[in-house]
Amino acid sequence: MTILLQYLFLTYVWQFIFRSGKQVWEKRWVKLSDNILHIYTSNNTDIEPVDEFDLCPNNGEVTIHSAVTAADLTKTASVDLPYILRLEFEPYTTCWPGRCV
């Protein structure tokens, strides 16, 4: 997943998240709480999030990539690329797969 960030300083905001399996951008409500990004389908945060991403995991490292290329996101306009960040989790062991948001 890749996030098109609009306002990085807010604790909650609507974001567009790229789903590589579907090759589309999906509008999602994102809330930052205790170093965890909670991703919802609506701005109702009383329901369970559809996804979560720990920004400070104890079993790996998170890297923020600001240089996402057009080759990584084929269905994205080149004028939008400067506003896209990729969050990548790399586990310390090879037992667990990495993941990107």
Protein backbone atom coordinates (compact mmCIF):
# COMPACT_ATOMS: atom_id res chain seq x y z
CA MET A 1 0.00 0.00 0.00
CA THR A 2 1.10 3.52 -0.66
CA ILE A 3 -0.40 6.63 0.89
CA LEU A 4 -1.05 9.94 -0.83
CA LEU A 5 -0.52 12.24 2.14
CA GLN A 6 -2.45 15.48 2.31
CA TYR A 7 -1.76 16.75 5.83
CA LEU A 8 1.03 15.00 7.69
CA PHE A 9 0.62 17.00 10.90
CA LEU A 10 -2.97 15.90 11.64
CA THR A 11 -3.79 12.90 13.82
CA TYR A 12 -6.68 11.91 11.55
CA VAL A 13 -7.48 12.69 7.93
CA TRP A 14 -8.89 11.26 4.71
CA GLN A 15 -6.11 9.67 2.65
CA PHE A 16 -5.85 7.85 -0.64
CA ILE A 17 -4.20 4.45 -0.22
CA PHE A 18 -2.98 2.50 -3.23
CA ARG A 19 -3.98 -1.16 -3.22
CA SER A 20 -1.55 -3.05 -5.41
CA GLY A 21 -3.83 -6.10 -5.68
CA LYS A 22 -6.57 -3.94 -7.19
CA GLN A 23 -4.30 -1.34 -8.88
CA VAL A 24 -6.55 1.49 -7.62
CA TRP A 25 -6.46 4.31 -5.08
CA GLU A 26 -8.99 3.90 -2.27
CA LYS A 27 -10.14 6.75 -0.06
CA ARG A 28 -9.62 5.78 3.58
CA TRP A 29 -9.92 7.49 6.96
CA VAL A 30 -6.51 7.33 8.68
CA LYS A 31 -6.01 7.97 12.38
CA LEU A 32 -2.64 8.17 14.14
CA SER A 33 -2.77 6.95 17.73
CA ASP A 34 0.14 5.75 19.90
CA ASN A 35 2.48 5.43 16.89
CA ILE A 36 0.00 3.22 15.03
CA LEU A 37 -1.81 4.19 11.82
CA HIS A 38 -5.37 2.90 12.03
CA ILE A 39 -7.04 2.69 8.60
CA TYR A 40 -10.85 2.79 8.34
CA THR A 41 -13.33 2.71 5.46
CA SER A 42 -15.28 5.64 6.99
CA ASN A 43 -14.66 8.38 9.52
CA ASN A 44 -16.50 6.32 12.16
CA THR A 45 -13.60 5.24 14.38
CA ASP A 46 -15.91 3.30 16.73
CA ILE A 47 -15.73 0.33 14.35
CA GLU A 48 -12.73 -1.97 13.91
CA PRO A 49 -10.08 -0.62 11.50
CA VAL A 50 -9.62 -2.51 8.22
CA ASP A 51 -5.84 -2.28 8.62
CA GLU A 52 -3.20 -1.06 11.07
CA PHE A 53 0.45 -0.13 10.61
CA ASP A 54 2.82 0.15 13.59
CA LEU A 55 5.30 2.98 13.05
CA CYS A 56 7.57 1.91 15.95
CA PRO A 57 7.57 -1.91 15.96
CA ASN A 58 9.85 -3.80 18.33
CA ASN A 59 10.49 -6.61 15.81
CA GLY A 60 11.72 -4.56 12.84
CA GLU A 61 12.25 -1.14 11.31
CA VAL A 62 9.96 1.24 9.45
CA THR A 63 11.37 3.33 6.63
CA ILE A 64 9.59 6.29 5.03
CA HIS A 65 10.34 6.65 1.33
CA SER A 66 9.58 10.01 -0.23
CA ALA A 67 10.97 9.14 -3.66
CA VAL A 68 8.27 6.91 -5.13
CA THR A 69 8.74 6.49 -8.88
CA ALA A 70 6.18 6.35 -11.67
CA ALA A 71 7.30 2.76 -12.33
CA ASP A 72 6.14 1.82 -8.81
CA LEU A 73 2.69 3.34 -9.39
CA THR A 74 1.77 2.96 -13.04
CA LYS A 75 -1.73 4.43 -12.70
CA THR A 76 -0.63 7.65 -10.98
CA ALA A 77 -0.19 11.05 -12.59
CA SER A 78 3.39 12.30 -12.54
CA VAL A 79 2.26 15.59 -10.95
CA ASP A 80 1.04 13.61 -7.90
CA LEU A 81 4.34 11.79 -7.28
CA PRO A 82 5.89 14.52 -5.06
CA TYR A 83 2.98 14.09 -2.62
CA ILE A 84 3.27 10.33 -2.21
CA LEU A 85 5.07 8.54 0.62
CA ARG A 86 5.68 4.83 1.07
CA LEU A 87 5.92 3.34 4.56
CA GLU A 88 7.89 0.10 4.56
CA PHE A 89 8.23 -2.36 7.42
CA GLU A 90 11.34 -4.56 7.36
CA PRO A 91 11.41 -7.31 10.05
CA TYR A 92 14.64 -8.19 11.82
CA THR A 93 14.18 -11.87 10.96
CA THR A 94 13.33 -13.54 7.67
CA CYS A 95 10.53 -15.52 9.35
CA TRP A 96 8.07 -12.69 8.77
CA PRO A 97 7.38 -10.95 5.47
CA GLY A 98 7.88 -7.21 5.11
CA ARG A 99 5.02 -4.95 4.18
CA CYS A 100 4.41 -1.54 2.63
CA VAL A 101 1.74 1.09 3.20
